[in-house]
Amino acid sequence: MSADLAKCFDLGAVDQVGYVVPDLETAIACFEPLFGACTRLDADTKGTLFRGQPSDVKLRMAFFRSGPIEIEVIEPVSGASPHREFLDAGRQGAHHLRFRVNDLDAKLPELNAAGYQTIWYHRFSPEIAWAYLEAPGADAHNAAAVLIFELLEMPE
């Protein structure tokens, strides 16, 4: 999905792989021997839109690096989000791929018209926003595929 998606919609290279886990501390203990020390963040984000409904979300996150790729590990704490939905479906592990874009709000209608559904969205400021999109025909119970990708608009 990612190579064709990136080419068709001029998204560039994947710059992050996201994992969702039920216990961040356990995941950090597994990831640190592979990637080294992490940076941690507890995020309390108000006013996200998840599947068209407002949701305040709390996440615990750890960030690792592998060359140019950021490895994001997320433990959902509270609120409706793609991460909580993923765990509630009995899944954990690889969850999403991220691409950076210059203008998220211009890119979303193009992807939505092609069948990619925006399921989670938040704009922090005029320069910073993200959205998670679900592939056409996605099934949250299909453990064989990464179903979601993230678009991030943020100055580097």
Protein backbone atom coordinates (compact mmCIF):
# COMPACT_ATOMS: atom_id res chain seq x y z
CA MET A 1 0.00 0.00 0.00
CA SER A 2 2.57 2.63 1.02
CA ALA A 3 4.65 2.74 -2.18
CA ASP A 4 1.63 3.06 -4.47
CA LEU A 5 -0.10 5.46 -2.09
CA ALA A 6 2.98 7.66 -1.83
CA LYS A 7 3.48 7.70 -5.60
CA CYS A 8 -0.17 8.29 -6.52
CA PHE A 9 -0.64 11.14 -4.05
CA ASP A 10 2.87 12.62 -4.06
CA LEU A 11 3.48 11.91 -0.37
CA GLY A 12 7.19 11.24 -0.36
CA ALA A 13 8.82 8.67 1.88
CA VAL A 14 7.42 7.11 5.04
CA ASP A 15 9.07 8.89 7.97
CA GLN A 16 7.43 7.08 10.89
CA VAL A 17 6.16 3.64 11.81
CA GLY A 18 3.64 3.63 14.64
CA TYR A 19 2.99 0.78 17.07
CA VAL A 20 0.11 0.51 19.53
CA VAL A 21 0.64 -1.40 22.75
CA PRO A 22 -1.34 -2.06 25.92
CA ASP A 23 1.64 -1.32 28.20
CA LEU A 24 4.23 1.29 27.25
CA GLU A 25 6.78 0.26 29.88
CA THR A 26 6.85 -3.33 28.62
CA ALA A 27 7.19 -2.11 25.04
CA ILE A 28 10.04 0.26 25.92
CA ALA A 29 11.89 -2.64 27.54
CA CYS A 30 11.59 -4.54 24.23
CA PHE A 31 12.41 -1.61 21.91
CA GLU A 32 15.36 -0.04 23.77
CA PRO A 33 17.79 -2.92 23.07
CA LEU A 34 16.97 -2.52 19.36
CA PHE A 35 16.92 1.27 18.98
CA GLY A 36 18.57 2.75 22.08
CA ALA A 37 17.11 5.30 24.44
CA CYS A 38 13.73 6.84 23.73
CA THR A 39 12.08 10.18 24.22
CA ARG A 40 8.82 9.99 26.16
CA LEU A 41 5.70 12.11 25.89
CA ASP A 42 2.40 12.09 27.75
CA ALA A 43 -0.12 13.76 25.45
CA ASP A 44 -3.41 15.19 26.63
CA THR A 45 -5.08 16.37 23.42
CA LYS A 46 -8.43 18.11 23.58
CA GLY A 47 -10.87 18.43 20.70
CA THR A 48 -9.73 15.74 18.27
CA LEU A 49 -12.31 14.42 15.83
CA PHE A 50 -12.54 10.63 15.82
CA ARG A 51 -14.93 9.14 13.27
CA GLY A 52 -16.73 12.49 13.17
CA GLN A 53 -17.18 12.79 16.94
CA PRO A 54 -15.25 15.09 19.30
CA SER A 55 -12.87 13.23 21.60
CA ASP A 56 -10.40 14.32 24.25
CA VAL A 57 -7.54 11.83 24.22
CA LYS A 58 -4.72 10.92 26.57
CA LEU A 59 -1.82 8.90 25.19
CA ARG A 60 1.51 7.77 26.60
CA MET A 61 4.17 7.64 23.88
CA ALA A 62 7.80 6.76 23.32
CA PHE A 63 9.84 7.75 20.27
CA PHE A 64 12.87 5.90 18.94
CA ARG A 65 15.00 6.42 15.80
CA SER A 66 16.23 4.01 13.18
CA GLY A 67 18.14 6.08 10.64
CA PRO A 68 15.64 8.49 9.07
CA ILE A 69 12.64 6.56 10.44
CA GLU A 70 10.95 7.50 13.69
CA ILE A 71 9.51 4.58 15.65
CA GLU A 72 6.48 5.74 17.66
CA VAL A 73 5.06 3.50 20.40
CA ILE A 74 1.65 4.47 21.76
CA GLU A 75 -0.33 3.34 24.79
CA PRO A 76 -3.85 4.80 24.78
CA VAL A 77 -4.88 5.96 28.26
CA SER A 78 -8.33 7.47 27.71
CA GLY A 79 -10.64 8.80 25.03
CA ALA A 80 -11.80 7.45 21.70
CA SER A 81 -8.95 7.13 19.19
CA PRO A 82 -7.69 4.78 16.48
CA HIS A 83 -5.28 3.38 19.06
CA ARG A 84 -8.00 2.42 21.56
CA GLU A 85 -10.09 0.98 18.71
CA PHE A 86 -7.10 -1.12 17.60
CA LEU A 87 -6.54 -2.59 21.07
CA ASP A 88 -10.28 -3.14 21.58
CA ALA A 89 -10.31 -5.18 18.35
CA GLY A 90 -7.79 -7.53 19.99
CA ARG A 91 -4.78 -6.21 18.09
CA GLN A 92 -1.44 -4.72 19.10
CA GLY A 93 1.79 -3.95 17.30
CA ALA A 94 2.27 -2.27 13.91
CA HIS A 95 -0.52 0.26 13.50
CA HIS A 96 0.24 3.06 11.04
CA LEU A 97 2.73 4.63 8.66
CA ARG A 98 3.27 8.39 8.56
CA PHE A 99 3.95 10.75 5.68
CA ARG A 100 4.69 14.47 5.97
CA VAL A 101 2.69 16.90 3.84
CA ASN A 102 2.92 20.64 3.27
CA ASP A 103 -0.85 21.33 3.34
CA LEU A 104 -2.94 18.71 5.10
CA ASP A 105 -6.30 20.36 4.45
CA ALA A 106 -5.58 20.49 0.72
CA LYS A 107 -4.43 16.84 0.60
CA LEU A 108 -7.37 15.30 2.51
CA PRO A 109 -10.12 15.91 -0.09
CA GLU A 110 -7.96 14.29 -2.77
CA LEU A 111 -7.43 11.17 -0.66
CA ASN A 112 -11.04 11.06 0.56
CA ALA A 113 -12.24 11.19 -3.06
CA ALA A 114 -10.07 8.13 -3.77
CA GLY A 115 -11.76 6.19 -0.95
CA TYR A 116 -9.38 6.85 1.94
CA GLN A 117 -11.52 7.79 4.93
CA THR A 118 -10.31 10.40 7.40
CA ILE A 119 -10.96 8.79 10.77
CA TRP A 120 -8.98 11.01 13.16
CA TYR A 121 -8.08 14.68 12.76
CA HIS A 122 -6.68 17.50 14.83
CA ARG A 123 -5.28 20.92 14.02
CA PHE A 124 -3.05 22.29 16.78
CA SER A 125 -2.17 25.58 15.07
CA PRO A 126 -2.05 27.11 11.58
CA GLU A 127 1.25 25.23 10.98
CA ILE A 128 0.62 21.92 12.77
CA ALA A 129 -2.08 19.31 12.10
CA TRP A 130 -2.41 15.57 11.63
CA ALA A 131 -4.94 13.14 10.27
CA TYR A 132 -5.22 9.37 10.26
CA LEU A 133 -6.75 7.81 7.17
CA GLU A 134 -8.11 4.32 6.70
CA ALA A 135 -7.57 2.40 3.47
CA PRO A 136 -10.62 1.58 1.34
CA GLY A 137 -12.22 -1.66 2.52
CA ALA A 138 -10.19 -1.69 5.75
CA ASP A 139 -11.17 -4.25 8.37
CA ALA A 140 -9.93 -3.58 11.91
CA HIS A 141 -9.83 -7.35 12.53
CA ASN A 142 -7.46 -8.06 9.60
CA ALA A 143 -4.20 -8.69 11.42
CA ALA A 144 -2.21 -9.09 8.18
CA ALA A 145 -2.15 -5.46 7.06
CA VAL A 146 -1.35 -1.96 8.23
CA LEU A 147 -4.71 -0.36 7.67
CA ILE A 148 -4.05 3.21 8.70
CA PHE A 149 -1.68 5.92 7.62
CA GLU A 150 -1.03 9.31 9.13
CA LEU A 151 -0.44 12.61 7.39
CA LEU A 152 1.44 15.23 9.39
CA GLU A 153 1.70 18.91 8.52
CA MET A 154 4.46 20.43 10.61
CA PRO A 155 7.54 22.50 9.88
CA GLU A 156 10.70 20.39 10.11
